[in-house]
Amino acid sequence: ISYQLGGRTIAQIIKPKNETQQQGKVVVTIRVNRNGQVINATPGAKGSTTTNSYLFSKAKSAALKTTFEPNSSAPEIQIGTIVYNFTLN
C-alpha cells in the first residue's frame, strides 16, 4: 500500500482483505479534511490495472477507514491517492 497526500502522514492505514482469486492494482482518489478523516474515496483512478467491482469495493471501504494526522494549516479539503495492490493469497 502506498499513498500520496501533500506532506501528510498516515495515522492508521487499513489493509483490505482479498477473499477472491482476483488481483490487480486499485488507485483510489481520496479527499481528506483537516482532522485527517477520509471523507470521500473514488476507486479506479489513473494507474489502476483492474476494473473488478469487488476489488473496487474493498479498496473504497479500506480508504474510508484510513486516517491521516490532523493538520490545522492544511487545505480544508485535501486531495490525494492511496494505491492498493491486491495479490493472490
PDB file of N, CA and C in Angstrom:
ATOM      1  N   ILE A   1       0.855  -1.186   0.000  1.00  0.00           N
ATOM      2  CA  ILE A   1       0.000   0.000   0.000  1.00  0.00           C
ATOM      3  C   ILE A   1       0.891   1.235   0.000  1.00  0.00           C
ATOM      4  N   SER A   2       0.584   2.157  -0.879  1.00  0.00           N
ATOM      5  CA  SER A   2       1.304   3.426  -0.891  1.00  0.00           C
ATOM      6  C   SER A   2       0.261   4.549  -0.961  1.00  0.00           C
ATOM      7  N   TYR A   3       0.697   5.747  -0.627  1.00  0.00           N
ATOM      8  CA  TYR A   3      -0.237   6.872  -0.650  1.00  0.00           C
ATOM      9  C   TYR A   3       0.502   8.156  -0.992  1.00  0.00           C
ATOM     10  N   GLN A   4      -0.260   9.151  -1.398  1.00  0.00           N
ATOM     11  CA  GLN A   4       0.284  10.470  -1.695  1.00  0.00           C
ATOM     12  C   GLN A   4      -0.760  11.481  -1.240  1.00  0.00           C
ATOM     13  N   LEU A   5      -0.360  12.326  -0.290  1.00  0.00           N
ATOM     14  CA  LEU A   5      -1.269  13.371   0.198  1.00  0.00           C
ATOM     15  C   LEU A   5      -0.434  14.533   0.705  1.00  0.00           C
ATOM     16  N   GLY A   6       0.097  15.322  -0.191  1.00  0.00           N
ATOM     17  CA  GLY A   6       0.833  16.542   0.078  1.00  0.00           C
ATOM     18  C   GLY A   6       1.365  16.773   1.478  1.00  0.00           C
ATOM     19  N   GLY A   7       2.365  16.024   1.895  1.00  0.00           N
ATOM     20  CA  GLY A   7       3.032  16.286   3.156  1.00  0.00           C
ATOM     21  C   GLY A   7       2.353  15.730   4.397  1.00  0.00           C
ATOM     22  N   ARG A   8       1.230  15.056   4.239  1.00  0.00           N
ATOM     23  CA  ARG A   8       0.531  14.487   5.399  1.00  0.00           C
ATOM     24  C   ARG A   8       1.016  13.063   5.640  1.00  0.00           C
ATOM     25  N   THR A   9       0.980  12.642   6.894  1.00  0.00           N
ATOM     26  CA  THR A   9       1.357  11.273   7.233  1.00  0.00           C
ATOM     27  C   THR A   9       0.125  10.503   7.702  1.00  0.00           C
ATOM     28  N   ILE A  10       0.180   9.205   7.504  1.00  0.00           N
ATOM     29  CA  ILE A  10      -0.946   8.337   7.877  1.00  0.00           C
ATOM     30  C   ILE A  10      -0.926   8.072   9.380  1.00  0.00           C
ATOM     31  N   ALA A  11      -2.090   8.186  10.004  1.00  0.00           N
ATOM     32  CA  ALA A  11      -2.233   7.837  11.418  1.00  0.00           C
ATOM     33  C   ALA A  11      -2.576   6.354  11.533  1.00  0.00           C
ATOM     34  N   GLN A  12      -3.520   5.897  10.719  1.00  0.00           N
ATOM     35  CA  GLN A  12      -3.926   4.491  10.721  1.00  0.00           C
ATOM     36  C   GLN A  12      -4.295   4.088   9.304  1.00  0.00           C
ATOM     37  N   ILE A  13      -3.640   3.032   8.807  1.00  0.00           N
ATOM     38  CA  ILE A  13      -3.960   2.542   7.466  1.00  0.00           C
ATOM     39  C   ILE A  13      -4.657   1.191   7.587  1.00  0.00           C
ATOM     40  N   ILE A  14      -5.714   1.044   6.835  1.00  0.00           N
ATOM     41  CA  ILE A  14      -6.488  -0.191   6.835  1.00  0.00           C
ATOM     42  C   ILE A  14      -6.098  -1.000   5.597  1.00  0.00           C
ATOM     43  N   LYS A  15      -5.759  -2.268   5.823  1.00  0.00           N
ATOM     44  CA  LYS A  15      -5.392  -3.152   4.716  1.00  0.00           C
ATOM     45  C   LYS A  15      -6.590  -4.027   4.371  1.00  0.00           C
ATOM     46  N   PRO A  16      -7.099  -3.896   3.148  1.00  0.00           N
ATOM     47  CA  PRO A  16      -8.259  -4.718   2.771  1.00  0.00           C
ATOM     48  C   PRO A  16      -7.876  -6.179   2.580  1.00  0.00           C
ATOM     49  N   LYS A  17      -8.802  -7.069   2.892  1.00  0.00           N
ATOM     50  CA  LYS A  17      -8.581  -8.498   2.675  1.00  0.00           C
ATOM     51  C   LYS A  17      -9.076  -8.858   1.280  1.00  0.00           C
ATOM     52  N   ASN A  18      -8.283  -9.629   0.574  1.00  0.00           N
ATOM     53  CA  ASN A  18      -8.687 -10.109  -0.745  1.00  0.00           C
ATOM     54  C   ASN A  18      -9.148 -11.548  -0.592  1.00  0.00           C
ATOM     55  N   GLU A  19     -10.451 -11.752  -0.638  1.00  0.00           N
ATOM     56  CA  GLU A  19     -11.015 -13.079  -0.445  1.00  0.00           C
ATOM     57  C   GLU A  19     -11.476 -13.691  -1.766  1.00  0.00           C
ATOM     58  N   THR A  20     -10.833 -13.274  -2.872  1.00  0.00           N
ATOM     59  CA  THR A  20     -11.176 -13.797  -4.197  1.00  0.00           C
ATOM     60  C   THR A  20      -9.900 -14.235  -4.903  1.00  0.00           C
ATOM     61  N   GLN A  21     -10.065 -14.690  -6.114  1.00  0.00           N
ATOM     62  CA  GLN A  21      -8.919 -15.039  -6.940  1.00  0.00           C
ATOM     63  C   GLN A  21      -8.580 -13.893  -7.896  1.00  0.00           C
ATOM     64  N   GLN A  22      -9.071 -12.712  -7.594  1.00  0.00           N
ATOM     65  CA  GLN A  22      -8.795 -11.533  -8.409  1.00  0.00           C
ATOM     66  C   GLN A  22      -7.519 -10.858  -7.924  1.00  0.00           C
ATOM     67  N   GLN A  23      -6.812 -10.244  -8.854  1.00  0.00           N
ATOM     68  CA  GLN A  23      -5.635  -9.477  -8.458  1.00  0.00           C
ATOM     69  C   GLN A  23      -5.526  -8.242  -9.335  1.00  0.00           C
ATOM     70  N   GLY A  24      -4.754  -7.278  -8.864  1.00  0.00           N
ATOM     71  CA  GLY A  24      -4.548  -6.052  -9.616  1.00  0.00           C
ATOM     72  C   GLY A  24      -4.315  -4.883  -8.686  1.00  0.00           C
ATOM     73  N   LYS A  25      -4.027  -3.753  -9.297  1.00  0.00           N
ATOM     74  CA  LYS A  25      -3.767  -2.525  -8.551  1.00  0.00           C
ATOM     75  C   LYS A  25      -4.978  -1.611  -8.669  1.00  0.00           C
ATOM     76  N   VAL A  26      -5.429  -1.097  -7.512  1.00  0.00           N
ATOM     77  CA  VAL A  26      -6.548  -0.156  -7.489  1.00  0.00           C
ATOM     78  C   VAL A  26      -6.042   1.162  -6.908  1.00  0.00           C
ATOM     79  N   VAL A  27      -6.131   2.224  -7.703  1.00  0.00           N
ATOM     80  CA  VAL A  27      -5.755   3.556  -7.246  1.00  0.00           C
ATOM     81  C   VAL A  27      -7.045   4.271  -6.830  1.00  0.00           C
ATOM     82  N   VAL A  28      -7.066   4.733  -5.577  1.00  0.00           N
ATOM     83  CA  VAL A  28      -8.257   5.386  -5.025  1.00  0.00           C
ATOM     84  C   VAL A  28      -7.960   6.869  -4.824  1.00  0.00           C
ATOM     85  N   THR A  29      -8.775   7.722  -5.432  1.00  0.00           N
ATOM     86  CA  THR A  29      -8.674   9.160  -5.190  1.00  0.00           C
ATOM     87  C   THR A  29      -9.390   9.452  -3.874  1.00  0.00           C
ATOM     88  N   ILE A  30      -8.677  10.119  -2.961  1.00  0.00           N
ATOM     89  CA  ILE A  30      -9.259  10.413  -1.645  1.00  0.00           C
ATOM     90  C   ILE A  30      -9.360  11.914  -1.416  1.00  0.00           C
ATOM     91  N   ARG A  31     -10.347  12.280  -0.609  1.00  0.00           N
ATOM     92  CA  ARG A  31     -10.496  13.654  -0.139  1.00  0.00           C
ATOM     93  C   ARG A  31     -10.438  13.586   1.381  1.00  0.00           C
ATOM     94  N   VAL A  32      -9.518  14.371   1.952  1.00  0.00           N
ATOM     95  CA  VAL A  32      -9.245  14.308   3.385  1.00  0.00           C
ATOM     96  C   VAL A  32      -9.465  15.687   3.996  1.00  0.00           C
ATOM     97  N   ASN A  33     -10.154  15.726   5.152  1.00  0.00           N
ATOM     98  CA  ASN A  33     -10.354  17.015   5.817  1.00  0.00           C
ATOM     99  C   ASN A  33      -9.178  17.329   6.747  1.00  0.00           C
ATOM    100  N   ARG A  34      -9.208  18.487   7.354  1.00  0.00           N
ATOM    101  CA  ARG A  34      -8.094  18.908   8.227  1.00  0.00           C
ATOM    102  C   ARG A  34      -7.904  17.993   9.421  1.00  0.00           C
ATOM    103  N   ASN A  35      -8.989  17.327   9.857  1.00  0.00           N
ATOM    104  CA  ASN A  35      -8.910  16.414  11.004  1.00  0.00           C
ATOM    105  C   ASN A  35      -8.255  15.085  10.641  1.00  0.00           C
ATOM    106  N   GLY A  36      -7.987  14.878   9.348  1.00  0.00           N
ATOM    107  CA  GLY A  36      -7.341  13.645   8.918  1.00  0.00           C
ATOM    108  C   GLY A  36      -8.292  12.547   8.501  1.00  0.00           C
ATOM    109  N   GLN A  37      -9.584  12.852   8.463  1.00  0.00           N
ATOM    110  CA  GLN A  37     -10.572  11.849   8.069  1.00  0.00           C
ATOM    111  C   GLN A  37     -10.722  11.824   6.548  1.00  0.00           C
ATOM    112  N   VAL A  38     -10.761  10.621   5.988  1.00  0.00           N
ATOM    113  CA  VAL A  38     -11.069  10.473   4.563  1.00  0.00           C
ATOM    114  C   VAL A  38     -12.577  10.615   4.431  1.00  0.00           C
ATOM    115  N   ILE A  39     -13.011  11.667   3.752  1.00  0.00           N
ATOM    116  CA  ILE A  39     -14.449  11.943   3.659  1.00  0.00           C
ATOM    117  C   ILE A  39     -15.043  11.484   2.331  1.00  0.00           C
ATOM    118  N   ASN A  40     -14.171  11.148   1.365  1.00  0.00           N
ATOM    119  CA  ASN A  40     -14.640  10.660   0.079  1.00  0.00           C
ATOM    120  C   ASN A  40     -13.549   9.793  -0.525  1.00  0.00           C
ATOM    121  N   ALA A  41     -13.941   8.691  -1.153  1.00  0.00           N
ATOM    122  CA  ALA A  41     -12.981   7.793  -1.795  1.00  0.00           C
ATOM    123  C   ALA A  41     -13.582   7.282  -3.099  1.00  0.00           C
ATOM    124  N   THR A  42     -12.847   7.443  -4.193  1.00  0.00           N
ATOM    125  CA  THR A  42     -13.312   7.008  -5.506  1.00  0.00           C
ATOM    126  C   THR A  42     -12.283   6.083  -6.137  1.00  0.00           C
ATOM    127  N   PRO A  43     -12.569   4.769  -6.196  1.00  0.00           N
ATOM    128  CA  PRO A  43     -11.616   3.833  -6.792  1.00  0.00           C
ATOM    129  C   PRO A  43     -11.622   3.918  -8.318  1.00  0.00           C
ATOM    130  N   GLY A  44     -10.500   3.486  -8.928  1.00  0.00           N
ATOM    131  CA  GLY A  44     -10.420   3.434 -10.385  1.00  0.00           C
ATOM    132  C   GLY A  44      -9.685   4.590 -11.019  1.00  0.00           C
ATOM    133  N   ALA A  45      -8.910   5.320 -10.229  1.00  0.00           N
ATOM    134  CA  ALA A  45      -8.156   6.457 -10.767  1.00  0.00           C
ATOM    135  C   ALA A  45      -7.060   5.967 -11.710  1.00  0.00           C
ATOM    136  N   LYS A  46      -6.470   6.903 -12.437  1.00  0.00           N
ATOM    137  CA  LYS A  46      -5.402   6.595 -13.385  1.00  0.00           C
ATOM    138  C   LYS A  46      -4.307   5.774 -12.698  1.00  0.00           C
ATOM    139  N   GLY A  47      -3.906   4.696 -13.352  1.00  0.00           N
ATOM    140  CA  GLY A  47      -2.887   3.811 -12.781  1.00  0.00           C
ATOM    141  C   GLY A  47      -3.456   2.489 -12.313  1.00  0.00           C
ATOM    142  N   SER A  48      -4.789   2.422 -12.173  1.00  0.00           N
ATOM    143  CA  SER A  48      -5.422   1.159 -11.782  1.00  0.00           C
ATOM    144  C   SER A  48      -5.232   0.136 -12.903  1.00  0.00           C
ATOM    145  N   THR A  49      -5.034  -1.132 -12.504  1.00  0.00           N
ATOM    146  CA  THR A  49      -4.835  -2.188 -13.503  1.00  0.00           C
ATOM    147  C   THR A  49      -6.004  -3.162 -13.548  1.00  0.00           C
ATOM    148  N   THR A  50      -7.066  -2.879 -12.818  1.00  0.00           N
ATOM    149  CA  THR A  50      -8.258  -3.727 -12.810  1.00  0.00           C
ATOM    150  C   THR A  50      -9.492  -2.840 -12.723  1.00  0.00           C
ATOM    151  N   THR A  51     -10.610  -3.378 -13.178  1.00  0.00           N
ATOM    152  CA  THR A  51     -11.897  -2.699 -13.014  1.00  0.00           C
ATOM    153  C   THR A  51     -12.852  -3.593 -12.224  1.00  0.00           C
ATOM    154  N   ASN A  52     -12.296  -4.593 -11.541  1.00  0.00           N
ATOM    155  CA  ASN A  52     -13.099  -5.547 -10.785  1.00  0.00           C
ATOM    156  C   ASN A  52     -13.888  -4.839  -9.685  1.00  0.00           C
ATOM    157  N   SER A  53     -15.215  -5.001  -9.701  1.00  0.00           N
ATOM    158  CA  SER A  53     -16.066  -4.266  -8.754  1.00  0.00           C
ATOM    159  C   SER A  53     -15.834  -4.706  -7.309  1.00  0.00           C
ATOM    160  N   TYR A  54     -15.517  -5.983  -7.097  1.00  0.00           N
ATOM    161  CA  TYR A  54     -15.233  -6.450  -5.735  1.00  0.00           C
ATOM    162  C   TYR A  54     -13.983  -5.767  -5.187  1.00  0.00           C
ATOM    163  N   LEU A  55     -12.909  -5.722  -5.971  1.00  0.00           N
ATOM    164  CA  LEU A  55     -11.676  -5.067  -5.519  1.00  0.00           C
ATOM    165  C   LEU A  55     -11.896  -3.573  -5.322  1.00  0.00           C
ATOM    166  N   PHE A  56     -12.675  -2.949  -6.212  1.00  0.00           N
ATOM    167  CA  PHE A  56     -13.008  -1.528  -6.053  1.00  0.00           C
ATOM    168  C   PHE A  56     -13.719  -1.297  -4.722  1.00  0.00           C
ATOM    169  N   SER A  57     -14.691  -2.174  -4.415  1.00  0.00           N
ATOM    170  CA  SER A  57     -15.460  -2.045  -3.181  1.00  0.00           C
ATOM    171  C   SER A  57     -14.551  -2.189  -1.954  1.00  0.00           C
ATOM    172  N   LYS A  58     -13.664  -3.194  -1.969  1.00  0.00           N
ATOM    173  CA  LYS A  58     -12.743  -3.416  -0.850  1.00  0.00           C
ATOM    174  C   LYS A  58     -11.796  -2.230  -0.683  1.00  0.00           C
ATOM    175  N   ALA A  59     -11.277  -1.708  -1.787  1.00  0.00           N
ATOM    176  CA  ALA A  59     -10.348  -0.582  -1.736  1.00  0.00           C
ATOM    177  C   ALA A  59     -11.045   0.677  -1.211  1.00  0.00           C
ATOM    178  N   LYS A  60     -12.261   0.932  -1.682  1.00  0.00           N
ATOM    179  CA  LYS A  60     -13.009   2.105  -1.226  1.00  0.00           C
ATOM    180  C   LYS A  60     -13.298   2.021   0.265  1.00  0.00           C
ATOM    181  N   SER A  61     -13.751   0.854   0.717  1.00  0.00           N
ATOM    182  CA  SER A  61     -14.061   0.663   2.134  1.00  0.00           C
ATOM    183  C   SER A  61     -12.822   0.882   3.004  1.00  0.00           C
ATOM    184  N   ALA A  62     -11.690   0.318   2.591  1.00  0.00           N
ATOM    185  CA  ALA A  62     -10.446   0.476   3.356  1.00  0.00           C
ATOM    186  C   ALA A  62      -9.994   1.939   3.368  1.00  0.00           C
ATOM    187  N   ALA A  63     -10.111   2.603   2.233  1.00  0.00           N
ATOM    188  CA  ALA A  63      -9.690   4.007   2.148  1.00  0.00           C
ATOM    189  C   ALA A  63     -10.515   4.886   3.084  1.00  0.00           C
ATOM    190  N   LEU A  64     -11.817   4.633   3.149  1.00  0.00           N
ATOM    191  CA  LEU A  64     -12.695   5.438   4.001  1.00  0.00           C
ATOM    192  C   LEU A  64     -12.413   5.230   5.491  1.00  0.00           C
ATOM    193  N   LYS A  65     -11.796   4.105   5.853  1.00  0.00           N
ATOM    194  CA  LYS A  65     -11.464   3.834   7.256  1.00  0.00           C
ATOM    195  C   LYS A  65     -10.049   4.277   7.615  1.00  0.00           C
ATOM    196  N   THR A  66      -9.268   4.668   6.607  1.00  0.00           N
ATOM    197  CA  THR A  66      -7.893   5.124   6.839  1.00  0.00           C
ATOM    198  C   THR A  66      -7.926   6.551   7.367  1.00  0.00           C
ATOM    199  N   THR A  67      -7.027   6.875   8.295  1.00  0.00           N
ATOM    200  CA  THR A  67      -6.965   8.235   8.824  1.00  0.00           C
ATOM    201  C   THR A  67      -5.551   8.792   8.702  1.00  0.00           C
ATOM    202  N   PHE A  68      -5.476  10.096   8.561  1.00  0.00           N
ATOM    203  CA  PHE A  68      -4.220  10.824   8.466  1.00  0.00           C
ATOM    204  C   PHE A  68      -4.040  11.694   9.697  1.00  0.00           C
ATOM    205  N   GLU A  69      -2.821  12.126   9.953  1.00  0.00           N
ATOM    206  CA  GLU A  69      -2.566  13.017  11.076  1.00  0.00           C
ATOM    207  C   GLU A  69      -3.300  14.343  10.835  1.00  0.00           C
ATOM    208  N   PRO A  70      -3.953  14.884  11.859  1.00  0.00           N
ATOM    209  CA  PRO A  70      -4.616  16.186  11.708  1.00  0.00           C
ATOM    210  C   PRO A  70      -3.606  17.281  11.370  1.00  0.00           C
ATOM    211  N   ASN A  71      -4.059  18.276  10.619  1.00  0.00           N
ATOM    212  CA  ASN A  71      -3.200  19.399  10.252  1.00  0.00           C
ATOM    213  C   ASN A  71      -4.079  20.630  10.080  1.00  0.00           C
ATOM    214  N   SER A  72      -4.054  21.515  11.066  1.00  0.00           N
ATOM    215  CA  SER A  72      -4.931  22.697  11.048  1.00  0.00           C
ATOM    216  C   SER A  72      -4.556  23.692   9.957  1.00  0.00           C
ATOM    217  N   SER A  73      -3.346  23.592   9.416  1.00  0.00           N
ATOM    218  CA  SER A  73      -2.943  24.520   8.353  1.00  0.00           C
ATOM    219  C   SER A  73      -3.089  23.901   6.958  1.00  0.00           C
ATOM    220  N   ALA A  74      -3.579  22.687   6.885  1.00  0.00           N
ATOM    221  CA  ALA A  74      -3.803  22.040   5.587  1.00  0.00           C
ATOM    222  C   ALA A  74      -5.028  22.676   4.921  1.00  0.00           C
ATOM    223  N   PRO A  75      -5.163  22.480   3.608  1.00  0.00           N
ATOM    224  CA  PRO A  75      -6.396  22.950   2.947  1.00  0.00           C
ATOM    225  C   PRO A  75      -7.617  22.305   3.604  1.00  0.00           C
ATOM    226  N   GLU A  76      -8.760  22.980   3.517  1.00  0.00           N
ATOM    227  CA  GLU A  76      -9.976  22.453   4.137  1.00  0.00           C
ATOM    228  C   GLU A  76     -10.269  21.038   3.642  1.00  0.00           C
ATOM    229  N   ILE A  77     -10.130  20.836   2.338  1.00  0.00           N
ATOM    230  CA  ILE A  77     -10.253  19.504   1.739  1.00  0.00           C
ATOM    231  C   ILE A  77      -8.992  19.283   0.912  1.00  0.00           C
ATOM    232  N   GLN A  78      -8.274  18.217   1.222  1.00  0.00           N
ATOM    233  CA  GLN A  78      -7.034  17.900   0.525  1.00  0.00           C
ATOM    234  C   GLN A  78      -7.247  16.630  -0.299  1.00  0.00           C
ATOM    235  N   ILE A  79      -6.782  16.657  -1.553  1.00  0.00           N
ATOM    236  CA  ILE A  79      -6.990  15.528  -2.453  1.00  0.00           C
ATOM    237  C   ILE A  79      -5.681  14.770  -2.645  1.00  0.00           C
ATOM    238  N   GLY A  80      -5.772  13.455  -2.572  1.00  0.00           N
ATOM    239  CA  GLY A  80      -4.597  12.610  -2.761  1.00  0.00           C
ATOM    240  C   GLY A  80      -5.012  11.247  -3.265  1.00  0.00           C
ATOM    241  N   THR A  81      -4.109  10.275  -3.148  1.00  0.00           N
ATOM    242  CA  THR A  81      -4.410   8.919  -3.598  1.00  0.00           C
ATOM    243  C   THR A  81      -3.868   7.883  -2.623  1.00  0.00           C
ATOM    244  N   ILE A  82      -4.506   6.736  -2.614  1.00  0.00           N
ATOM    245  CA  ILE A  82      -3.997   5.543  -1.937  1.00  0.00           C
ATOM    246  C   ILE A  82      -3.987   4.445  -2.989  1.00  0.00           C
ATOM    247  N   VAL A  83      -2.884   3.689  -3.051  1.00  0.00           N
ATOM    248  CA  VAL A  83      -2.762   2.606  -4.019  1.00  0.00           C
ATOM    249  C   VAL A  83      -2.755   1.269  -3.277  1.00  0.00           C
ATOM    250  N   TYR A  84      -3.695   0.416  -3.653  1.00  0.00           N
ATOM    251  CA  TYR A  84      -3.782  -0.924  -3.073  1.00  0.00           C
ATOM    252  C   TYR A  84      -3.396  -1.947  -4.136  1.00  0.00           C
ATOM    253  N   ASN A  85      -2.454  -2.828  -3.811  1.00  0.00           N
ATOM    254  CA  ASN A  85      -2.060  -3.918  -4.695  1.00  0.00           C
ATOM    255  C   ASN A  85      -2.668  -5.212  -4.168  1.00  0.00           C
ATOM    256  N   PHE A  86      -3.651  -5.723  -4.879  1.00  0.00           N
ATOM    257  CA  PHE A  86      -4.285  -6.970  -4.490  1.00  0.00           C
ATOM    258  C   PHE A  86      -3.552  -8.132  -5.164  1.00  0.00           C
ATOM    259  N   THR A  87      -3.117  -9.095  -4.355  1.00  0.00           N
ATOM    260  CA  THR A  87      -2.428 -10.269  -4.871  1.00  0.00           C
ATOM    261  C   THR A  87      -3.148 -11.517  -4.398  1.00  0.00           C
ATOM    262  N   LEU A  88      -2.848 -12.618  -5.039  1.00  0.00           N
ATOM    263  CA  LEU A  88      -3.461 -13.879  -4.630  1.00  0.00           C
ATOM    264  C   LEU A  88      -2.843 -14.346  -3.323  1.00  0.00           C
ATOM    265  N   ASN A  89      -3.680 -14.848  -2.433  1.00  0.00           N
ATOM    266  CA  ASN A  89      -3.201 -15.319  -1.134  1.00  0.00           C
ATOM    267  C   ASN A  89      -2.638 -16.722  -1.221  1.00  0.00           C
TER     268      ASN A  89
END
